[in-house]
Amino acid sequence: MSIDNRWDLNRKYLLELIANEYNIEIDTQTLPNTINQFRLISDFPGDGNYWHPHVDGQINFITFLNKTHNMKAGTSLYVPQNTKAKCFPIMKDTEHSNPWRTEKHFKEDLCILDRFNCGVAFPGNWFHGQTITDNFFKDSTRLTEVSFL
């Protein structure tokens, strides 16, 4: 779902500060913002499984919108453990068809907590993905707002 936040001068100012920190230029009038909705359709396969570690563009800015999941695992940053892991983002098996990756391929380096209405920015070329640790999102929808700077 795409949203238009151009009316929000505070958000524009925040995104400009983030862009300046990373020394990149952005056009806050054309930035794509999306609301991502997620639900598990089958059970979490257990510890040592990570949901689709991947890379994106320049800078990712994520706002967590989950009141009932506040201060739990949100998004993790990963270190690839082998050369095959580095190829996953361009393979056919994506987050929609075969999302789970194991510790054999990725090591979780940092887990960012899912704090309601708080944002986090990080380089999109760092391997990252939503952190699923149980079946919480089988009965509840995970919501995030994502901007790619």
Protein backbone atom coordinates (compact mmCIF):
# COMPACT_ATOMS: atom_id res chain seq x y z
CA MET A 1 0.00 0.00 0.00
CA SER A 2 1.51 3.34 -1.02
CA ILE A 3 1.03 6.47 1.09
CA ASP A 4 1.61 10.16 0.55
CA ASN A 5 3.29 11.93 3.48
CA ARG A 6 4.44 15.03 1.63
CA TRP A 7 2.13 17.21 3.76
CA ASP A 8 4.05 16.22 6.94
CA LEU A 9 6.80 18.83 7.32
CA ASN A 10 8.26 17.08 10.37
CA ARG A 11 8.68 13.84 8.42
CA LYS A 12 10.25 15.77 5.55
CA TYR A 13 12.69 17.38 7.98
CA LEU A 14 13.55 14.01 9.58
CA LEU A 15 14.20 12.34 6.22
CA GLU A 16 16.39 15.27 5.17
CA LEU A 17 18.41 14.90 8.41
CA ILE A 18 18.87 11.19 7.74
CA ALA A 19 19.93 11.87 4.14
CA ASN A 20 22.44 14.48 5.33
CA GLU A 21 23.85 12.04 7.89
CA TYR A 22 24.46 9.50 5.13
CA ASN A 23 25.64 12.20 2.72
CA ILE A 24 23.06 11.45 0.04
CA GLU A 25 20.62 13.68 -1.82
CA ILE A 26 16.91 12.91 -1.80
CA ASP A 27 13.79 14.50 -3.18
CA THR A 28 11.24 14.39 -0.34
CA GLN A 29 8.49 15.27 -2.84
CA THR A 30 8.89 12.01 -4.75
CA LEU A 31 10.08 9.56 -2.08
CA PRO A 32 8.18 6.28 -2.23
CA ASN A 33 6.58 5.34 1.10
CA THR A 34 4.81 2.05 1.55
CA ILE A 35 2.88 0.34 4.30
CA ASN A 36 3.91 -3.30 4.45
CA GLN A 37 1.46 -5.82 5.86
CA PHE A 38 2.58 -9.30 6.80
CA ARG A 39 0.99 -12.46 8.21
CA LEU A 40 2.36 -15.97 8.56
CA ILE A 41 0.29 -18.56 6.71
CA SER A 42 2.14 -21.50 8.27
CA ASP A 43 3.89 -22.04 11.59
CA PHE A 44 7.27 -20.52 12.38
CA PRO A 45 9.78 -23.31 11.64
CA GLY A 46 11.80 -22.76 14.83
CA ASP A 47 14.97 -21.12 16.08
CA GLY A 48 17.82 -20.76 13.62
CA ASN A 49 15.48 -19.80 10.77
CA TYR A 50 15.47 -16.24 9.43
CA TRP A 51 12.84 -14.58 7.24
CA HIS A 52 14.33 -13.62 3.87
CA PRO A 53 17.54 -11.70 4.63
CA HIS A 54 17.99 -9.35 1.67
CA VAL A 55 19.48 -6.05 0.54
CA ASP A 56 17.81 -2.95 -0.91
CA GLY A 57 18.87 0.44 -2.27
CA GLN A 58 20.68 3.29 -0.53
CA ILE A 59 19.05 3.87 2.88
CA ASN A 60 16.07 2.10 4.45
CA PHE A 61 13.88 3.97 6.91
CA ILE A 62 11.39 1.75 8.75
CA THR A 63 8.66 2.90 11.14
CA PHE A 64 7.14 0.14 13.28
CA LEU A 65 3.35 0.31 13.59
CA ASN A 66 2.59 -2.67 15.84
CA LYS A 67 1.01 -1.59 19.16
CA THR A 68 0.54 -5.16 20.35
CA HIS A 69 4.10 -6.20 19.48
CA ASN A 70 5.77 -3.21 21.14
CA MET A 71 9.41 -3.70 22.23
CA LYS A 72 9.71 -7.19 20.76
CA ALA A 73 11.94 -8.37 17.90
CA GLY A 74 11.40 -6.18 14.82
CA THR A 75 14.08 -6.18 12.13
CA SER A 76 17.42 -7.98 12.15
CA LEU A 77 20.71 -7.25 10.44
CA TYR A 78 22.66 -10.26 9.19
CA VAL A 79 26.13 -11.31 8.12
CA PRO A 80 26.23 -13.77 5.20
CA GLN A 81 28.06 -16.98 6.11
CA ASN A 82 28.94 -18.14 2.59
CA THR A 83 28.95 -17.06 -1.04
CA LYS A 84 25.60 -18.77 -1.75
CA ALA A 85 23.96 -16.49 0.84
CA LYS A 86 25.09 -13.43 -1.10
CA CYS A 87 23.17 -14.70 -4.15
CA PHE A 88 19.80 -15.19 -2.41
CA PRO A 89 18.45 -11.69 -3.21
CA ILE A 90 18.55 -12.42 -6.95
CA MET A 91 17.37 -16.04 -6.82
CA LYS A 92 13.84 -17.23 -7.62
CA ASP A 93 13.27 -18.28 -3.98
CA THR A 94 12.14 -15.00 -2.48
CA GLU A 95 10.14 -13.90 0.53
CA HIS A 96 6.96 -14.90 -1.30
CA SER A 97 7.88 -18.45 -2.30
CA ASN A 98 10.65 -19.82 -0.04
CA PRO A 99 11.55 -17.17 2.54
CA TRP A 100 13.33 -19.07 5.31
CA ARG A 101 17.12 -19.06 5.52
CA THR A 102 19.15 -20.90 8.14
CA GLU A 103 22.16 -20.15 10.31
CA LYS A 104 24.14 -22.08 7.70
CA HIS A 105 23.67 -19.12 5.37
CA PHE A 106 23.25 -16.11 7.69
CA LYS A 107 24.27 -15.07 11.19
CA GLU A 108 22.07 -12.56 13.01
CA ASP A 109 24.29 -9.63 13.97
CA LEU A 110 21.76 -7.22 15.52
CA CYS A 111 18.04 -7.25 16.26
CA ILE A 112 16.25 -3.89 16.24
CA LEU A 113 13.25 -3.81 18.56
CA ASP A 114 9.78 -3.19 17.16
CA ARG A 115 8.90 -0.08 19.18
CA PHE A 116 5.51 1.34 18.21
CA ASN A 117 5.67 4.49 16.08
CA CYS A 118 9.48 4.64 16.14
CA GLY A 119 11.71 4.66 13.12
CA VAL A 120 15.13 3.30 12.31
CA ALA A 121 17.43 4.05 9.38
CA PHE A 122 20.28 1.88 8.08
CA PRO A 123 22.14 1.29 4.81
CA GLY A 124 20.01 -0.84 2.51
CA ASN A 125 23.05 -2.79 1.31
CA TRP A 126 23.31 -4.41 4.77
CA PHE A 127 21.55 -7.78 4.80
CA HIS A 128 18.33 -7.35 6.80
CA GLY A 129 14.87 -8.78 7.23
CA GLN A 130 11.89 -8.80 9.53
CA THR A 131 12.49 -10.80 12.69
CA ILE A 132 10.04 -13.64 13.18
CA THR A 133 10.63 -15.64 16.39
CA ASP A 134 7.26 -17.34 16.97
CA ASN A 135 3.70 -17.55 15.62
CA PHE A 136 2.64 -14.09 16.88
CA PHE A 137 2.09 -12.83 13.33
CA LYS A 138 -0.06 -15.81 12.41
CA ASP A 139 -2.97 -14.27 14.32
CA SER A 140 -1.93 -10.61 14.10
CA THR A 141 -0.82 -8.46 11.16
CA ARG A 142 2.69 -6.97 11.18
CA LEU A 143 2.64 -3.38 9.91
CA THR A 144 5.62 -1.25 8.95
CA GLU A 145 6.03 1.93 6.97
CA VAL A 146 9.09 1.82 4.74
CA SER A 147 10.83 4.65 2.90
CA PHE A 148 13.75 4.05 0.59
CA LEU A 149 16.02 7.10 0.55
